[in-house]
């Protein structure tokens, strides 16, 4: 499963280990999320799809995602431009 297959309302795990809820059902490199912050609140904003690494299935288990070639290329480009 890729981030493109996830639907609005899906609880996801981000690369930085924070959790978020998808706020859209779009496909592509950028998704809207309602993400938890370090103060216990949430922030609504956009996130790169390559930063979404897993999701919670119906049983509450975390499942790992596979990224598309375009998402992998986007991550590599961001790493080159902005660092690790």
C-alpha atoms as a PDB file:
ATOM      1  CA  UNK A   1       0.000   0.000   0.000  1.00  0.00           C
ATOM      2  CA  UNK A   2       1.231   3.525  -0.785  1.00  0.00           C
ATOM      3  CA  UNK A   3       0.285   6.899   0.726  1.00  0.00           C
ATOM      4  CA  UNK A   4      -1.887   7.443  -2.380  1.00  0.00           C
ATOM      5  CA  UNK A   5      -4.150   4.578  -1.259  1.00  0.00           C
ATOM      6  CA  UNK A   6      -4.946   6.155   2.132  1.00  0.00           C
ATOM      7  CA  UNK A   7      -8.273   7.919   2.612  1.00  0.00           C
ATOM      8  CA  UNK A   8      -9.377  10.937   4.639  1.00  0.00           C
ATOM      9  CA  UNK A   9      -9.614  10.138   8.344  1.00  0.00           C
ATOM     10  CA  UNK A  10      -6.843   7.501   8.336  1.00  0.00           C
ATOM     11  CA  UNK A  11      -4.490   7.744  11.315  1.00  0.00           C
ATOM     12  CA  UNK A  12      -0.886   7.761  10.067  1.00  0.00           C
ATOM     13  CA  UNK A  13       2.635   7.682  11.492  1.00  0.00           C
ATOM     14  CA  UNK A  14       5.012  10.361  10.243  1.00  0.00           C
ATOM     15  CA  UNK A  15       8.769   9.958   9.676  1.00  0.00           C
ATOM     16  CA  UNK A  16       9.455  12.074  12.793  1.00  0.00           C
ATOM     17  CA  UNK A  17       7.371   9.554  14.837  1.00  0.00           C
ATOM     18  CA  UNK A  18       4.487  11.968  15.384  1.00  0.00           C
ATOM     19  CA  UNK A  19       1.037  10.788  14.477  1.00  0.00           C
ATOM     20  CA  UNK A  20      -1.520  12.571  12.312  1.00  0.00           C
ATOM     21  CA  UNK A  21      -4.947  12.117  10.749  1.00  0.00           C
ATOM     22  CA  UNK A  22      -5.259  12.595   6.996  1.00  0.00           C
ATOM     23  CA  UNK A  23      -7.475  15.564   6.165  1.00  0.00           C
ATOM     24  CA  UNK A  24      -7.892  14.719   2.456  1.00  0.00           C
ATOM     25  CA  UNK A  25      -8.071  11.801   0.031  1.00  0.00           C
ATOM     26  CA  UNK A  26      -5.758  13.330  -2.580  1.00  0.00           C
ATOM     27  CA  UNK A  27      -3.022  11.532  -4.442  1.00  0.00           C
ATOM     28  CA  UNK A  28       0.454  12.917  -5.059  1.00  0.00           C
ATOM     29  CA  UNK A  29       3.453  14.242  -3.169  1.00  0.00           C
ATOM     30  CA  UNK A  30       1.625  16.542  -0.738  1.00  0.00           C
ATOM     31  CA  UNK A  31      -1.185  15.570   1.668  1.00  0.00           C
ATOM     32  CA  UNK A  32      -3.158  17.626   4.177  1.00  0.00           C
ATOM     33  CA  UNK A  33      -2.885  16.349   7.736  1.00  0.00           C
ATOM     34  CA  UNK A  34      -4.100  17.192  11.219  1.00  0.00           C
ATOM     35  CA  UNK A  35      -0.846  16.484  13.080  1.00  0.00           C
ATOM     36  CA  UNK A  36      -0.114  16.236  16.779  1.00  0.00           C
ATOM     37  CA  UNK A  37       2.419  18.712  18.133  1.00  0.00           C
ATOM     38  CA  UNK A  38       4.790  18.536  21.089  1.00  0.00           C
ATOM     39  CA  UNK A  39       2.397  20.517  23.310  1.00  0.00           C
ATOM     40  CA  UNK A  40      -0.407  17.963  23.062  1.00  0.00           C
ATOM     41  CA  UNK A  41      -2.452  19.945  20.530  1.00  0.00           C
ATOM     42  CA  UNK A  42      -2.862  19.555  16.804  1.00  0.00           C
ATOM     43  CA  UNK A  43      -1.849  21.562  13.755  1.00  0.00           C
ATOM     44  CA  UNK A  44      -3.572  21.393  10.387  1.00  0.00           C
ATOM     45  CA  UNK A  45      -1.222  21.714   7.436  1.00  0.00           C
ATOM     46  CA  UNK A  46       0.449  19.973   4.558  1.00  0.00           C
ATOM     47  CA  UNK A  47       3.004  17.176   4.670  1.00  0.00           C
ATOM     48  CA  UNK A  48       5.063  15.447   2.034  1.00  0.00           C
ATOM     49  CA  UNK A  49       3.700  11.992   1.272  1.00  0.00           C
ATOM     50  CA  UNK A  50       7.202  10.535   1.643  1.00  0.00           C
ATOM     51  CA  UNK A  51       7.121  11.623   5.311  1.00  0.00           C
ATOM     52  CA  UNK A  52       4.121   9.333   5.927  1.00  0.00           C
ATOM     53  CA  UNK A  53       5.729   5.986   6.765  1.00  0.00           C
ATOM     54  CA  UNK A  54       2.867   3.951   8.225  1.00  0.00           C
ATOM     55  CA  UNK A  55      -0.822   3.839   9.063  1.00  0.00           C
ATOM     56  CA  UNK A  56      -3.131   2.166  11.572  1.00  0.00           C
ATOM     57  CA  UNK A  57      -5.305  -0.589  10.127  1.00  0.00           C
ATOM     58  CA  UNK A  58      -8.784  -1.573  11.349  1.00  0.00           C
ATOM     59  CA  UNK A  59      -7.268  -3.722  14.121  1.00  0.00           C
ATOM     60  CA  UNK A  60      -5.128  -0.881  15.459  1.00  0.00           C
ATOM     61  CA  UNK A  61      -1.900  -2.375  14.092  1.00  0.00           C
ATOM     62  CA  UNK A  62       0.675  -0.140  12.413  1.00  0.00           C
ATOM     63  CA  UNK A  63       1.296  -1.094   8.785  1.00  0.00           C
ATOM     64  CA  UNK A  64       4.355   0.116   6.876  1.00  0.00           C
ATOM     65  CA  UNK A  65       3.807   1.948   3.567  1.00  0.00           C
ATOM     66  CA  UNK A  66       5.686   1.573   0.291  1.00  0.00           C
ATOM     67  CA  UNK A  67       6.537   4.829  -1.471  1.00  0.00           C
ATOM     68  CA  UNK A  68       6.238   5.357  -5.205  1.00  0.00           C
ATOM     69  CA  UNK A  69       9.264   6.149  -7.345  1.00  0.00           C
ATOM     70  CA  UNK A  70       8.156   9.806  -7.536  1.00  0.00           C
ATOM     71  CA  UNK A  71       7.877  10.068  -3.748  1.00  0.00           C
ATOM     72  CA  UNK A  72      11.328   8.555  -3.322  1.00  0.00           C
ATOM     73  CA  UNK A  73      12.770  11.014  -5.854  1.00  0.00           C
ATOM     74  CA  UNK A  74      11.060  13.917  -4.051  1.00  0.00           C
ATOM     75  CA  UNK A  75      12.597  12.822  -0.733  1.00  0.00           C
ATOM     76  CA  UNK A  76      16.058  12.534  -2.296  1.00  0.00           C
ATOM     77  CA  UNK A  77      15.725  16.001  -3.835  1.00  0.00           C
ATOM     78  CA  UNK A  78      14.606  17.509  -0.528  1.00  0.00           C
ATOM     79  CA  UNK A  79      17.552  15.852   1.225  1.00  0.00           C
ATOM     80  CA  UNK A  80      19.964  17.307  -1.320  1.00  0.00           C
ATOM     81  CA  UNK A  81      18.444  20.789  -1.055  1.00  0.00           C
ATOM     82  CA  UNK A  82      17.779  21.018   2.680  1.00  0.00           C
ATOM     83  CA  UNK A  83      19.916  18.322   4.285  1.00  0.00           C
ATOM     84  CA  UNK A  84      19.116  15.199   6.240  1.00  0.00           C
END
